[in-house]
Amino acid sequence: MTASYLGADRLYDEIRNEIEDMSSYLESDTLRRQANTVVRLTVVTAFGLIGTVVTGFLGMNLLALADATTLEKIGYFMIVLIPTTVLTFYTIVKSKRLSDFLEALSDERMPTAAKFKSLLDVWRKAPRPHA
């Protein structure tokens, strides 16, 4: 009788719902922060890839640059750096479609023709968003 007079059941339900809402908000905020961290790490890795490829290629000593002038060394460095940078940025631009392709490629149930179509979809024109 006292519980119904004070409205304890209604108050309990209201507080429980508020706590559940706060819990789901905190969980979604945590997931958003984790996703943001993953994006930042991906960007850092992409830029690190450029330097890794350039130094790896030039470090293999495929070209005899020991007697080259500084200007020639800078020229070779740029010849390797510029295409590597362009390729890395192109990969970043196409990363969503490349990710979809790799997912399709790893799907054992998907037929080979669908996997090939997924590869071709990497270079298809994106549909324009409707305003």
Protein backbone atom coordinates (compact mmCIF):
# COMPACT_ATOMS: atom_id res chain seq x y z
CA MET A 1 0.00 0.00 0.00
CA THR A 2 2.80 2.42 0.86
CA ALA A 3 4.71 1.51 -2.30
CA SER A 4 1.74 2.31 -4.50
CA TYR A 5 1.04 5.53 -2.57
CA LEU A 6 4.62 6.76 -3.02
CA GLY A 7 4.79 5.55 -6.62
CA ALA A 8 7.89 3.45 -5.97
CA ASP A 9 7.26 1.10 -8.89
CA ARG A 10 6.95 3.98 -11.35
CA LEU A 11 10.00 5.70 -9.88
CA TYR A 12 11.99 2.44 -10.00
CA ASP A 13 11.11 1.91 -13.69
CA GLU A 14 11.98 5.51 -14.53
CA ILE A 15 15.37 5.34 -12.81
CA ARG A 16 16.13 1.94 -14.36
CA ASN A 17 15.36 3.33 -17.84
CA GLU A 18 17.56 6.37 -17.19
CA ILE A 19 20.45 4.16 -16.09
CA GLU A 20 20.04 1.94 -19.17
CA ASP A 21 20.05 5.03 -21.40
CA MET A 22 23.21 6.36 -19.74
CA SER A 23 24.86 2.96 -20.04
CA SER A 24 24.09 2.68 -23.75
CA TYR A 25 25.31 6.26 -24.30
CA LEU A 26 28.60 5.51 -22.56
CA GLU A 27 29.00 2.31 -24.55
CA SER A 28 28.37 4.05 -27.87
CA ASP A 29 30.74 6.87 -26.88
CA THR A 30 33.43 4.30 -26.10
CA LEU A 31 32.91 2.61 -29.47
CA ARG A 32 33.08 5.98 -31.24
CA ARG A 33 36.36 6.79 -29.52
CA GLN A 34 37.80 3.39 -30.42
CA ALA A 35 36.79 3.87 -34.05
CA ASN A 36 38.42 7.30 -34.05
CA THR A 37 41.62 5.78 -32.66
CA VAL A 38 41.63 3.10 -35.36
CA VAL A 39 41.23 5.76 -38.06
CA ARG A 40 44.14 7.75 -36.63
CA LEU A 41 46.35 4.67 -36.49
CA THR A 42 45.42 3.84 -40.07
CA VAL A 43 46.41 7.31 -41.24
CA VAL A 44 49.73 7.12 -39.39
CA THR A 45 50.38 3.69 -40.89
CA ALA A 46 49.56 4.91 -44.40
CA PHE A 47 52.03 7.77 -44.15
CA GLY A 48 54.61 5.46 -42.60
CA LEU A 49 54.18 3.14 -45.56
CA ILE A 50 55.49 5.82 -47.91
CA GLY A 51 58.77 6.15 -46.05
CA THR A 52 59.09 2.40 -45.60
CA VAL A 53 58.75 1.70 -49.32
CA VAL A 54 61.11 4.49 -50.36
CA THR A 55 63.85 3.58 -47.89
CA GLY A 56 63.35 -0.12 -48.57
CA PHE A 57 63.74 0.32 -52.31
CA LEU A 58 66.74 2.62 -52.07
CA GLY A 59 68.26 0.50 -49.30
CA MET A 60 68.39 -2.59 -51.52
CA ASN A 61 71.26 -0.97 -53.42
CA LEU A 62 69.78 -1.86 -56.80
CA LEU A 63 71.31 1.34 -58.11
CA ALA A 64 75.00 2.09 -57.61
CA LEU A 65 74.63 5.49 -56.00
CA ALA A 66 77.82 5.52 -53.94
CA ASP A 67 79.62 7.72 -56.45
CA ALA A 68 76.54 9.74 -57.47
CA THR A 69 76.31 13.43 -56.76
CA THR A 70 73.93 14.73 -54.13
CA LEU A 71 71.64 16.09 -56.83
CA GLU A 72 71.47 12.65 -58.51
CA LYS A 73 70.68 11.00 -55.16
CA ILE A 74 67.89 13.51 -54.53
CA GLY A 75 66.60 12.86 -58.06
CA TYR A 76 66.47 9.09 -57.51
CA PHE A 77 64.83 9.67 -54.14
CA MET A 78 62.12 11.79 -55.78
CA ILE A 79 61.68 9.26 -58.60
CA VAL A 80 60.81 6.66 -55.96
CA LEU A 81 59.02 8.97 -53.50
CA ILE A 82 56.53 10.59 -55.87
CA PRO A 83 55.00 7.42 -57.40
CA THR A 84 54.92 5.76 -53.97
CA THR A 85 53.09 8.75 -52.50
CA VAL A 86 50.63 8.89 -55.39
CA LEU A 87 49.95 5.15 -55.12
CA THR A 88 49.46 5.39 -51.35
CA PHE A 89 46.97 8.26 -51.65
CA TYR A 90 45.16 6.46 -54.49
CA THR A 91 44.89 3.41 -52.26
CA ILE A 92 43.46 5.55 -49.45
CA VAL A 93 40.89 7.03 -51.85
CA LYS A 94 39.85 3.55 -52.98
CA SER A 95 40.18 1.97 -49.52
CA LYS A 96 36.45 1.32 -48.99
CA ARG A 97 36.10 -0.50 -52.29
CA LEU A 98 39.38 -2.35 -51.81
CA SER A 99 38.16 -3.44 -48.39
CA ASP A 100 34.93 -4.72 -49.93
CA PHE A 101 36.96 -6.60 -52.54
CA LEU A 102 39.17 -8.26 -49.92
CA GLU A 103 36.09 -9.23 -47.93
CA ALA A 104 34.54 -10.78 -51.05
CA LEU A 105 37.80 -12.53 -51.86
CA SER A 106 37.92 -14.15 -48.43
CA ASP A 107 34.28 -15.32 -48.61
CA GLU A 108 34.48 -19.02 -49.46
CA ARG A 109 30.79 -19.23 -50.35
CA MET A 110 30.98 -16.49 -52.99
CA PRO A 111 31.37 -17.70 -56.59
CA THR A 112 34.50 -16.75 -58.53
CA ALA A 113 32.53 -14.56 -60.95
CA ALA A 114 31.19 -12.49 -58.06
CA LYS A 115 34.71 -12.11 -56.67
CA PHE A 116 35.91 -10.88 -60.07
CA LYS A 117 32.97 -8.45 -60.25
CA SER A 118 33.97 -7.16 -56.82
CA LEU A 119 37.46 -6.51 -58.18
CA LEU A 120 36.02 -4.56 -61.12
CA ASP A 121 33.80 -2.59 -58.73
CA VAL A 122 36.94 -1.03 -57.25
CA TRP A 123 37.27 1.13 -60.38
CA ARG A 124 33.63 1.75 -61.28
CA LYS A 125 32.21 5.25 -60.96
CA ALA A 126 30.47 5.93 -57.69
CA PRO A 127 26.79 6.89 -57.96
CA ARG A 128 26.12 10.53 -57.22
CA PRO A 129 24.41 11.13 -53.88
CA HIS A 130 20.93 12.60 -54.10
CA ALA A 131 20.50 15.97 -52.43
